[in-house]
């Protein structure tokens, strides 16, 4: 289980390494373009829904449990990017069943 740590003091968002790797690609691409956007996810343990506002000036860290490279699913990256570009912002979507590797 990896962590996305956002803000100072940091808020830790636990995500499995595979999901975190895909989220990282989308988030870094948007922040590199100086875009600000919301990111939402559901906490399966508590049943609560969360939303944060991502901004290039706010500290962000991706921490993976494993150090090995994770092959990316292009279809999933495209789906996450599409929803991140919508008015509702980035939402964690399930990985498509037929992966297209990057």
PDB file of N, CA and C in Angstrom:
ATOM      1  N   UNK A   1       0.846  -1.178   0.000  1.00  0.00           N
ATOM      2  CA  UNK A   1       0.000   0.000   0.000  1.00  0.00           C
ATOM      3  C   UNK A   1       0.887   1.235   0.000  1.00  0.00           C
ATOM      4  N   UNK A   2       0.704   2.085  -0.987  1.00  0.00           N
ATOM      5  CA  UNK A   2       1.465   3.316  -1.080  1.00  0.00           C
ATOM      6  C   UNK A   2       0.715   4.469  -0.432  1.00  0.00           C
ATOM      7  N   UNK A   3       1.357   5.634  -0.438  1.00  0.00           N
ATOM      8  CA  UNK A   3       0.748   6.836   0.150  1.00  0.00           C
ATOM      9  C   UNK A   3       0.929   8.024  -0.778  1.00  0.00           C
ATOM     10  N   UNK A   4      -0.128   8.789  -0.897  1.00  0.00           N
ATOM     11  CA  UNK A   4      -0.055  10.106  -1.507  1.00  0.00           C
ATOM     12  C   UNK A   4      -0.171  11.063  -0.335  1.00  0.00           C
ATOM     13  N   UNK A   5       0.871  11.836  -0.093  1.00  0.00           N
ATOM     14  CA  UNK A   5       0.865  12.792   1.020  1.00  0.00           C
ATOM     15  C   UNK A   5       0.711  14.182   0.422  1.00  0.00           C
ATOM     16  N   UNK A   6      -0.299  14.903   0.904  1.00  0.00           N
ATOM     17  CA  UNK A   6      -0.635  16.194   0.327  1.00  0.00           C
ATOM     18  C   UNK A   6      -0.727  17.260   1.402  1.00  0.00           C
ATOM     19  N   UNK A   7      -0.053  18.384   1.169  1.00  0.00           N
ATOM     20  CA  UNK A   7      -0.143  19.527   2.063  1.00  0.00           C
ATOM     21  C   UNK A   7       0.896  19.503   3.158  1.00  0.00           C
ATOM     22  N   UNK A   8       0.846  20.540   3.988  1.00  0.00           N
ATOM     23  CA  UNK A   8       1.762  20.677   5.112  1.00  0.00           C
ATOM     24  C   UNK A   8       1.004  21.301   6.275  1.00  0.00           C
ATOM     25  N   UNK A   9       0.756  20.572   7.361  1.00  0.00           N
ATOM     26  CA  UNK A   9       1.205  19.188   7.561  1.00  0.00           C
ATOM     27  C   UNK A   9       0.479  18.268   6.597  1.00  0.00           C
ATOM     28  N   UNK A  10       1.120  17.193   6.246  1.00  0.00           N
ATOM     29  CA  UNK A  10       0.607  16.305   5.214  1.00  0.00           C
ATOM     30  C   UNK A  10      -0.594  15.488   5.622  1.00  0.00           C
ATOM     31  N   UNK A  11      -1.489  15.323   4.674  1.00  0.00           N
ATOM     32  CA  UNK A  11      -2.612  14.399   4.784  1.00  0.00           C
ATOM     33  C   UNK A  11      -2.220  13.177   3.980  1.00  0.00           C
ATOM     34  N   UNK A  12      -2.225  12.004   4.615  1.00  0.00           N
ATOM     35  CA  UNK A  12      -1.852  10.766   3.935  1.00  0.00           C
ATOM     36  C   UNK A  12      -3.089  10.106   3.336  1.00  0.00           C
ATOM     37  N   UNK A  13      -2.989   9.795   2.051  1.00  0.00           N
ATOM     38  CA  UNK A  13      -4.058   9.113   1.338  1.00  0.00           C
ATOM     39  C   UNK A  13      -3.508   7.750   0.923  1.00  0.00           C
ATOM     40  N   UNK A  14      -3.967   6.674   1.562  1.00  0.00           N
ATOM     41  CA  UNK A  14      -3.451   5.354   1.208  1.00  0.00           C
ATOM     42  C   UNK A  14      -4.074   4.851  -0.102  1.00  0.00           C
ATOM     43  N   UNK A  15      -3.212   4.430  -1.017  1.00  0.00           N
ATOM     44  CA  UNK A  15      -3.642   3.858  -2.290  1.00  0.00           C
ATOM     45  C   UNK A  15      -2.734   2.688  -2.610  1.00  0.00           C
ATOM     46  N   UNK A  16      -3.286   1.663  -3.240  1.00  0.00           N
ATOM     47  CA  UNK A  16      -2.407   0.558  -3.618  1.00  0.00           C
ATOM     48  C   UNK A  16      -1.417   1.081  -4.661  1.00  0.00           C
ATOM     49  N   UNK A  17      -0.251   0.476  -4.717  1.00  0.00           N
ATOM     50  CA  UNK A  17       0.837   0.970  -5.561  1.00  0.00           C
ATOM     51  C   UNK A  17       0.424   1.109  -7.027  1.00  0.00           C
ATOM     52  N   UNK A  18      -0.352   0.188  -7.529  1.00  0.00           N
ATOM     53  CA  UNK A  18      -0.760   0.232  -8.937  1.00  0.00           C
ATOM     54  C   UNK A  18      -1.635   1.458  -9.206  1.00  0.00           C
ATOM     55  N   UNK A  19      -2.601   1.685  -8.352  1.00  0.00           N
ATOM     56  CA  UNK A  19      -3.464   2.858  -8.493  1.00  0.00           C
ATOM     57  C   UNK A  19      -2.638   4.132  -8.353  1.00  0.00           C
ATOM     58  N   UNK A  20      -1.751   4.170  -7.356  1.00  0.00           N
ATOM     59  CA  UNK A  20      -0.923   5.345  -7.105  1.00  0.00           C
ATOM     60  C   UNK A  20      -0.052   5.683  -8.314  1.00  0.00           C
ATOM     61  N   UNK A  21       0.489   4.673  -8.977  1.00  0.00           N
ATOM     62  CA  UNK A  21       1.330   4.915 -10.157  1.00  0.00           C
ATOM     63  C   UNK A  21       0.533   5.588 -11.268  1.00  0.00           C
ATOM     64  N   UNK A  22      -0.701   5.179 -11.460  1.00  0.00           N
ATOM     65  CA  UNK A  22      -1.541   5.770 -12.500  1.00  0.00           C
ATOM     66  C   UNK A  22      -1.997   7.173 -12.105  1.00  0.00           C
ATOM     67  N   UNK A  23      -2.346   7.357 -10.855  1.00  0.00           N
ATOM     68  CA  UNK A  23      -2.746   8.677 -10.360  1.00  0.00           C
ATOM     69  C   UNK A  23      -1.569   9.649 -10.490  1.00  0.00           C
ATOM     70  N   UNK A  24      -0.365   9.181 -10.192  1.00  0.00           N
ATOM     71  CA  UNK A  24       0.821  10.039 -10.276  1.00  0.00           C
ATOM     72  C   UNK A  24       0.995  10.599 -11.683  1.00  0.00           C
ATOM     73  N   UNK A  25       0.843   9.766 -12.694  1.00  0.00           N
ATOM     74  CA  UNK A  25       0.995  10.215 -14.081  1.00  0.00           C
ATOM     75  C   UNK A  25       0.017  11.346 -14.388  1.00  0.00           C
ATOM     76  N   UNK A  26      -1.235  11.169 -14.003  1.00  0.00           N
ATOM     77  CA  UNK A  26      -2.274  12.161 -14.299  1.00  0.00           C
ATOM     78  C   UNK A  26      -2.054  13.438 -13.499  1.00  0.00           C
ATOM     79  N   UNK A  27      -1.794  13.297 -12.205  1.00  0.00           N
ATOM     80  CA  UNK A  27      -1.624  14.471 -11.338  1.00  0.00           C
ATOM     81  C   UNK A  27      -0.408  15.285 -11.758  1.00  0.00           C
ATOM     82  N   UNK A  28       0.715  14.639 -12.003  1.00  0.00           N
ATOM     83  CA  UNK A  28       1.921  15.380 -12.374  1.00  0.00           C
ATOM     84  C   UNK A  28       1.772  16.070 -13.726  1.00  0.00           C
ATOM     85  N   UNK A  29       1.067  15.442 -14.664  1.00  0.00           N
ATOM     86  CA  UNK A  29       0.840  16.080 -15.966  1.00  0.00           C
ATOM     87  C   UNK A  29       0.017  17.360 -15.799  1.00  0.00           C
ATOM     88  N   UNK A  30      -1.015  17.307 -14.973  1.00  0.00           N
ATOM     89  CA  UNK A  30      -1.856  18.491 -14.771  1.00  0.00           C
ATOM     90  C   UNK A  30      -1.104  19.586 -14.007  1.00  0.00           C
ATOM     91  N   UNK A  31      -0.385  19.211 -12.977  1.00  0.00           N
ATOM     92  CA  UNK A  31       0.343  20.214 -12.192  1.00  0.00           C
ATOM     93  C   UNK A  31       1.486  20.831 -13.008  1.00  0.00           C
ATOM     94  N   UNK A  32       2.092  20.044 -13.879  1.00  0.00           N
ATOM     95  CA  UNK A  32       3.160  20.555 -14.742  1.00  0.00           C
ATOM     96  C   UNK A  32       2.628  21.673 -15.636  1.00  0.00           C
ATOM     97  N   UNK A  33       1.348  21.575 -16.001  1.00  0.00           N
ATOM     98  CA  UNK A  33       0.712  22.617 -16.821  1.00  0.00           C
ATOM     99  C   UNK A  33       0.099  23.724 -15.961  1.00  0.00           C
ATOM    100  N   UNK A  34       0.427  23.713 -14.661  1.00  0.00           N
ATOM    101  CA  UNK A  34      -0.056  24.717 -13.717  1.00  0.00           C
ATOM    102  C   UNK A  34      -1.577  24.699 -13.574  1.00  0.00           C
ATOM    103  N   UNK A  35      -2.172  23.515 -13.727  1.00  0.00           N
ATOM    104  CA  UNK A  35      -3.616  23.370 -13.575  1.00  0.00           C
ATOM    105  C   UNK A  35      -3.950  23.054 -12.128  1.00  0.00           C
ATOM    106  N   UNK A  36      -5.029  23.622 -11.651  1.00  0.00           N
ATOM    107  CA  UNK A  36      -5.551  23.339 -10.311  1.00  0.00           C
ATOM    108  C   UNK A  36      -6.818  22.521 -10.498  1.00  0.00           C
ATOM    109  N   UNK A  37      -7.046  21.523  -9.633  1.00  0.00           N
ATOM    110  CA  UNK A  37      -8.208  20.659  -9.823  1.00  0.00           C
ATOM    111  C   UNK A  37      -8.511  19.894  -8.540  1.00  0.00           C
ATOM    112  N   UNK A  38      -9.704  19.332  -8.490  1.00  0.00           N
ATOM    113  CA  UNK A  38     -10.122  18.524  -7.347  1.00  0.00           C
ATOM    114  C   UNK A  38      -9.790  17.059  -7.604  1.00  0.00           C
ATOM    115  N   UNK A  39      -9.554  16.331  -6.518  1.00  0.00           N
ATOM    116  CA  UNK A  39      -9.390  14.879  -6.578  1.00  0.00           C
ATOM    117  C   UNK A  39     -10.285  14.281  -5.508  1.00  0.00           C
ATOM    118  N   UNK A  40     -11.103  13.314  -5.898  1.00  0.00           N
ATOM    119  CA  UNK A  40     -12.049  12.687  -4.968  1.00  0.00           C
ATOM    120  C   UNK A  40     -11.850  11.183  -4.940  1.00  0.00           C
ATOM    121  N   UNK A  41     -12.113  10.593  -3.789  1.00  0.00           N
ATOM    122  CA  UNK A  41     -12.027   9.145  -3.628  1.00  0.00           C
ATOM    123  C   UNK A  41     -12.917   8.729  -2.470  1.00  0.00           C
ATOM    124  N   UNK A  42     -13.262   7.455  -2.458  1.00  0.00           N
ATOM    125  CA  UNK A  42     -14.052   6.881  -1.379  1.00  0.00           C
ATOM    126  C   UNK A  42     -13.153   6.021  -0.509  1.00  0.00           C
ATOM    127  N   UNK A  43     -13.314   6.142   0.792  1.00  0.00           N
ATOM    128  CA  UNK A  43     -12.573   5.324   1.753  1.00  0.00           C
ATOM    129  C   UNK A  43     -13.393   4.069   1.991  1.00  0.00           C
ATOM    130  N   UNK A  44     -12.871   2.943   1.511  1.00  0.00           N
ATOM    131  CA  UNK A  44     -13.612   1.684   1.617  1.00  0.00           C
ATOM    132  C   UNK A  44     -13.781   1.227   3.058  1.00  0.00           C
ATOM    133  N   UNK A  45     -12.864   1.594   3.937  1.00  0.00           N
ATOM    134  CA  UNK A  45     -12.953   1.175   5.339  1.00  0.00           C
ATOM    135  C   UNK A  45     -14.040   1.916   6.098  1.00  0.00           C
ATOM    136  N   UNK A  46     -14.130   3.231   5.879  1.00  0.00           N
ATOM    137  CA  UNK A  46     -15.096   4.040   6.628  1.00  0.00           C
ATOM    138  C   UNK A  46     -16.373   4.321   5.845  1.00  0.00           C
ATOM    139  N   UNK A  47     -16.322   4.138   4.524  1.00  0.00           N
ATOM    140  CA  UNK A  47     -17.469   4.456   3.690  1.00  0.00           C
ATOM    141  C   UNK A  47     -17.602   5.948   3.403  1.00  0.00           C
ATOM    142  N   UNK A  48     -16.615   6.725   3.823  1.00  0.00           N
ATOM    143  CA  UNK A  48     -16.652   8.175   3.622  1.00  0.00           C
ATOM    144  C   UNK A  48     -16.068   8.556   2.264  1.00  0.00           C
ATOM    145  N   UNK A  49     -16.559   9.668   1.741  1.00  0.00           N
ATOM    146  CA  UNK A  49     -16.054  10.222   0.496  1.00  0.00           C
ATOM    147  C   UNK A  49     -15.194  11.435   0.822  1.00  0.00           C
ATOM    148  N   UNK A  50     -14.084  11.602   0.113  1.00  0.00           N
ATOM    149  CA  UNK A  50     -13.146  12.694   0.365  1.00  0.00           C
ATOM    150  C   UNK A  50     -12.867  13.460  -0.925  1.00  0.00           C
ATOM    151  N   UNK A  51     -12.588  14.741  -0.791  1.00  0.00           N
ATOM    152  CA  UNK A  51     -12.162  15.574  -1.912  1.00  0.00           C
ATOM    153  C   UNK A  51     -11.088  16.531  -1.420  1.00  0.00           C
ATOM    154  N   UNK A  52     -10.014  16.663  -2.198  1.00  0.00           N
ATOM    155  CA  UNK A  52      -8.980  17.650  -1.917  1.00  0.00           C
ATOM    156  C   UNK A  52      -8.817  18.527  -3.151  1.00  0.00           C
ATOM    157  N   UNK A  53      -8.292  19.724  -2.961  1.00  0.00           N
ATOM    158  CA  UNK A  53      -8.009  20.639  -4.052  1.00  0.00           C
ATOM    159  C   UNK A  53      -6.506  20.588  -4.314  1.00  0.00           C
ATOM    160  N   UNK A  54      -6.119  20.149  -5.492  1.00  0.00           N
ATOM    161  CA  UNK A  54      -4.705  20.047  -5.850  1.00  0.00           C
ATOM    162  C   UNK A  54      -4.252  21.332  -6.533  1.00  0.00           C
ATOM    163  N   UNK A  55      -3.130  21.852  -6.059  1.00  0.00           N
ATOM    164  CA  UNK A  55      -2.579  23.118  -6.549  1.00  0.00           C
ATOM    165  C   UNK A  55      -1.067  22.958  -6.646  1.00  0.00           C
ATOM    166  N   UNK A  56      -0.437  23.489  -7.696  1.00  0.00           N
ATOM    167  CA  UNK A  56       1.010  23.316  -7.871  1.00  0.00           C
ATOM    168  C   UNK A  56       1.858  23.837  -6.715  1.00  0.00           C
ATOM    169  N   UNK A  57       1.356  24.775  -5.926  1.00  0.00           N
ATOM    170  CA  UNK A  57       2.151  25.361  -4.840  1.00  0.00           C
ATOM    171  C   UNK A  57       2.071  24.554  -3.541  1.00  0.00           C
ATOM    172  N   UNK A  58       1.219  23.542  -3.500  1.00  0.00           N
ATOM    173  CA  UNK A  58       1.047  22.761  -2.271  1.00  0.00           C
ATOM    174  C   UNK A  58       1.913  21.505  -2.358  1.00  0.00           C
ATOM    175  N   UNK A  59       2.699  21.202  -1.299  1.00  0.00           N
ATOM    176  CA  UNK A  59       3.584  20.029  -1.329  1.00  0.00           C
ATOM    177  C   UNK A  59       2.821  18.732  -1.585  1.00  0.00           C
ATOM    178  N   UNK A  60       3.445  17.868  -2.374  1.00  0.00           N
ATOM    179  CA  UNK A  60       2.844  16.604  -2.774  1.00  0.00           C
ATOM    180  C   UNK A  60       3.942  15.546  -2.826  1.00  0.00           C
ATOM    181  N   UNK A  61       3.660  14.376  -2.272  1.00  0.00           N
ATOM    182  CA  UNK A  61       4.649  13.292  -2.287  1.00  0.00           C
ATOM    183  C   UNK A  61       3.954  11.981  -2.595  1.00  0.00           C
ATOM    184  N   UNK A  62       4.589  11.181  -3.447  1.00  0.00           N
ATOM    185  CA  UNK A  62       4.112   9.838  -3.775  1.00  0.00           C
ATOM    186  C   UNK A  62       5.096   8.858  -3.151  1.00  0.00           C
ATOM    187  N   UNK A  63       4.605   7.965  -2.318  1.00  0.00           N
ATOM    188  CA  UNK A  63       5.470   6.980  -1.667  1.00  0.00           C
ATOM    189  C   UNK A  63       4.932   5.582  -1.960  1.00  0.00           C
ATOM    190  N   UNK A  64       5.778   4.766  -2.582  1.00  0.00           N
ATOM    191  CA  UNK A  64       5.381   3.424  -2.978  1.00  0.00           C
ATOM    192  C   UNK A  64       5.926   2.392  -2.004  1.00  0.00           C
ATOM    193  N   UNK A  65       5.142   1.366  -1.756  1.00  0.00           N
ATOM    194  CA  UNK A  65       5.588   0.278  -0.887  1.00  0.00           C
ATOM    195  C   UNK A  65       6.667  -0.540  -1.582  1.00  0.00           C
ATOM    196  N   UNK A  66       6.518  -0.732  -2.880  1.00  0.00           N
ATOM    197  CA  UNK A  66       7.493  -1.506  -3.648  1.00  0.00           C
ATOM    198  C   UNK A  66       8.352  -0.554  -4.471  1.00  0.00           C
ATOM    199  N   UNK A  67       9.587  -0.953  -4.719  1.00  0.00           N
ATOM    200  CA  UNK A  67      10.495  -0.084  -5.461  1.00  0.00           C
ATOM    201  C   UNK A  67      10.558  -0.441  -6.938  1.00  0.00           C
ATOM    202  N   UNK A  68       9.973  -1.562  -7.326  1.00  0.00           N
ATOM    203  CA  UNK A  68      10.023  -1.974  -8.730  1.00  0.00           C
ATOM    204  C   UNK A  68       9.108  -1.144  -9.600  1.00  0.00           C
ATOM    205  N   UNK A  69       9.413  -1.100 -10.888  1.00  0.00           N
ATOM    206  CA  UNK A  69       8.586  -0.359 -11.830  1.00  0.00           C
ATOM    207  C   UNK A  69       7.229  -1.021 -12.022  1.00  0.00           C
ATOM    208  N   UNK A  70       6.235  -0.216 -12.222  1.00  0.00           N
ATOM    209  CA  UNK A  70       4.876  -0.701 -12.446  1.00  0.00           C
ATOM    210  C   UNK A  70       4.513  -0.374 -13.890  1.00  0.00           C
ATOM    211  N   UNK A  71       4.149  -1.407 -14.662  1.00  0.00           N
ATOM    212  CA  UNK A  71       3.747  -1.138 -16.042  1.00  0.00           C
ATOM    213  C   UNK A  71       2.378  -0.455 -16.015  1.00  0.00           C
ATOM    214  N   UNK A  72       2.251   0.569 -16.842  1.00  0.00           N
ATOM    215  CA  UNK A  72       1.035   1.369 -16.834  1.00  0.00           C
ATOM    216  C   UNK A  72       0.041   0.887 -17.878  1.00  0.00           C
ATOM    217  N   UNK A  73      -1.222   1.014 -17.553  1.00  0.00           N
ATOM    218  CA  UNK A  73      -2.322   0.684 -18.438  1.00  0.00           C
ATOM    219  C   UNK A  73      -2.745   1.995 -19.114  1.00  0.00           C
ATOM    220  N   UNK A  74      -2.431   2.127 -20.388  1.00  0.00           N
ATOM    221  CA  UNK A  74      -2.717   3.364 -21.133  1.00  0.00           C
ATOM    222  C   UNK A  74      -4.203   3.709 -21.102  1.00  0.00           C
ATOM    223  N   UNK A  75      -5.057   2.702 -21.215  1.00  0.00           N
ATOM    224  CA  UNK A  75      -6.499   2.940 -21.201  1.00  0.00           C
ATOM    225  C   UNK A  75      -6.935   3.551 -19.879  1.00  0.00           C
ATOM    226  N   UNK A  76      -6.372   3.070 -18.795  1.00  0.00           N
ATOM    227  CA  UNK A  76      -6.717   3.592 -17.467  1.00  0.00           C
ATOM    228  C   UNK A  76      -6.201   5.022 -17.304  1.00  0.00           C
ATOM    229  N   UNK A  77      -4.963   5.283 -17.753  1.00  0.00           N
ATOM    230  CA  UNK A  77      -4.416   6.639 -17.681  1.00  0.00           C
ATOM    231  C   UNK A  77      -5.307   7.597 -18.471  1.00  0.00           C
ATOM    232  N   UNK A  78      -5.732   7.187 -19.651  1.00  0.00           N
ATOM    233  CA  UNK A  78      -6.591   8.041 -20.477  1.00  0.00           C
ATOM    234  C   UNK A  78      -7.939   8.287 -19.806  1.00  0.00           C
ATOM    235  N   UNK A  79      -8.508   7.258 -19.182  1.00  0.00           N
ATOM    236  CA  UNK A  79      -9.792   7.422 -18.493  1.00  0.00           C
ATOM    237  C   UNK A  79      -9.650   8.357 -17.294  1.00  0.00           C
ATOM    238  N   UNK A  80      -8.583   8.193 -16.520  1.00  0.00           N
ATOM    239  CA  UNK A  80      -8.349   9.072 -15.368  1.00  0.00           C
ATOM    240  C   UNK A  80      -8.091  10.504 -15.818  1.00  0.00           C
ATOM    241  N   UNK A  81      -7.355  10.664 -16.910  1.00  0.00           N
ATOM    242  CA  UNK A  81      -7.085  11.999 -17.443  1.00  0.00           C
ATOM    243  C   UNK A  81      -8.373  12.665 -17.905  1.00  0.00           C
ATOM    244  N   UNK A  82      -9.204  11.911 -18.574  1.00  0.00           N
ATOM    245  CA  UNK A  82     -10.469  12.454 -19.066  1.00  0.00           C
ATOM    246  C   UNK A  82     -11.346  12.946 -17.915  1.00  0.00           C
ATOM    247  N   UNK A  83     -11.480  12.146 -16.882  1.00  0.00           N
ATOM    248  CA  UNK A  83     -12.310  12.556 -15.744  1.00  0.00           C
ATOM    249  C   UNK A  83     -11.639  13.700 -14.978  1.00  0.00           C
ATOM    250  N   UNK A  84     -10.313  13.726 -14.927  1.00  0.00           N
ATOM    251  CA  UNK A  84      -9.602  14.814 -14.248  1.00  0.00           C
ATOM    252  C   UNK A  84      -9.824  16.143 -14.966  1.00  0.00           C
ATOM    253  N   UNK A  85     -10.019  16.088 -16.276  1.00  0.00           N
ATOM    254  CA  UNK A  85     -10.253  17.294 -17.064  1.00  0.00           C
ATOM    255  C   UNK A  85     -11.715  17.742 -17.036  1.00  0.00           C
ATOM    256  N   UNK A  86     -12.567  16.974 -16.395  1.00  0.00           N
ATOM    257  CA  UNK A  86     -13.986  17.336 -16.309  1.00  0.00           C
ATOM    258  C   UNK A  86     -14.196  18.333 -15.172  1.00  0.00           C
ATOM    259  N   UNK A  87     -15.377  18.869 -15.097  1.00  0.00           N
ATOM    260  CA  UNK A  87     -15.710  19.830 -14.050  1.00  0.00           C
ATOM    261  C   UNK A  87     -15.666  19.251 -12.652  1.00  0.00           C
ATOM    262  N   UNK A  88     -15.870  17.949 -12.526  1.00  0.00           N
ATOM    263  CA  UNK A  88     -15.858  17.327 -11.196  1.00  0.00           C
ATOM    264  C   UNK A  88     -14.456  16.976 -10.719  1.00  0.00           C
ATOM    265  N   UNK A  89     -13.468  17.000 -11.615  1.00  0.00           N
ATOM    266  CA  UNK A  89     -12.097  16.699 -11.230  1.00  0.00           C
ATOM    267  C   UNK A  89     -11.798  15.210 -11.236  1.00  0.00           C
ATOM    268  N   UNK A  90     -10.589  14.877 -10.812  1.00  0.00           N
ATOM    269  CA  UNK A  90     -10.109  13.500 -10.811  1.00  0.00           C
ATOM    270  C   UNK A  90     -10.866  12.665  -9.790  1.00  0.00           C
ATOM    271  N   UNK A  91     -11.414  11.560 -10.249  1.00  0.00           N
ATOM    272  CA  UNK A  91     -12.035  10.561  -9.377  1.00  0.00           C
ATOM    273  C   UNK A  91     -11.337   9.238  -9.642  1.00  0.00           C
ATOM    274  N   UNK A  92     -11.149   8.457  -8.595  1.00  0.00           N
ATOM    275  CA  UNK A  92     -10.507   7.164  -8.779  1.00  0.00           C
ATOM    276  C   UNK A  92     -11.498   6.213  -9.438  1.00  0.00           C
ATOM    277  N   UNK A  93     -11.140   5.744 -10.604  1.00  0.00           N
ATOM    278  CA  UNK A  93     -11.958   4.812 -11.368  1.00  0.00           C
ATOM    279  C   UNK A  93     -11.318   3.437 -11.304  1.00  0.00           C
ATOM    280  N   UNK A  94     -12.123   2.382 -11.411  1.00  0.00           N
ATOM    281  CA  UNK A  94     -11.514   1.043 -11.445  1.00  0.00           C
ATOM    282  C   UNK A  94     -10.721   0.849 -12.735  1.00  0.00           C
ATOM    283  N   UNK A  95      -9.689   0.025 -12.650  1.00  0.00           N
ATOM    284  CA  UNK A  95      -8.879  -0.254 -13.831  1.00  0.00           C
ATOM    285  C   UNK A  95      -9.698  -1.032 -14.851  1.00  0.00           C
ATOM    286  N   UNK A  96      -9.657  -0.600 -16.123  1.00  0.00           N
ATOM    287  CA  UNK A  96     -10.359  -1.355 -17.166  1.00  0.00           C
ATOM    288  C   UNK A  96      -9.840  -2.785 -17.236  1.00  0.00           C
ATOM    289  N   UNK A  97     -10.717  -3.720 -17.554  1.00  0.00           N
ATOM    290  CA  UNK A  97     -10.337  -5.136 -17.540  1.00  0.00           C
ATOM    291  C   UNK A  97      -9.417  -5.532 -18.680  1.00  0.00           C
ATOM    292  N   UNK A  98      -9.454  -4.814 -19.798  1.00  0.00           N
ATOM    293  CA  UNK A  98      -8.574  -5.116 -20.904  1.00  0.00           C
ATOM    294  C   UNK A  98      -7.504  -4.040 -20.976  1.00  0.00           C
ATOM    295  N   UNK A  99      -6.335  -4.310 -20.345  1.00  0.00           N
ATOM    296  CA  UNK A  99      -5.300  -3.271 -20.285  1.00  0.00           C
ATOM    297  C   UNK A  99      -4.583  -3.066 -21.613  1.00  0.00           C
ATOM    298  N   UNK A 100      -4.199  -1.833 -21.830  1.00  0.00           N
ATOM    299  CA  UNK A 100      -3.332  -1.454 -22.937  1.00  0.00           C
ATOM    300  C   UNK A 100      -2.073  -0.899 -22.300  1.00  0.00           C
ATOM    301  N   UNK A 101      -0.981  -1.621 -22.350  1.00  0.00           N
ATOM    302  CA  UNK A 101       0.237  -1.257 -21.612  1.00  0.00           C
ATOM    303  C   UNK A 101       1.003  -0.130 -22.292  1.00  0.00           C
ATOM    304  N   UNK A 102       1.591   0.741 -21.475  1.00  0.00           N
ATOM    305  CA  UNK A 102       2.431   1.836 -21.952  1.00  0.00           C
ATOM    306  C   UNK A 102       3.875   1.396 -21.841  1.00  0.00           C
TER     307      UNK A 102
END
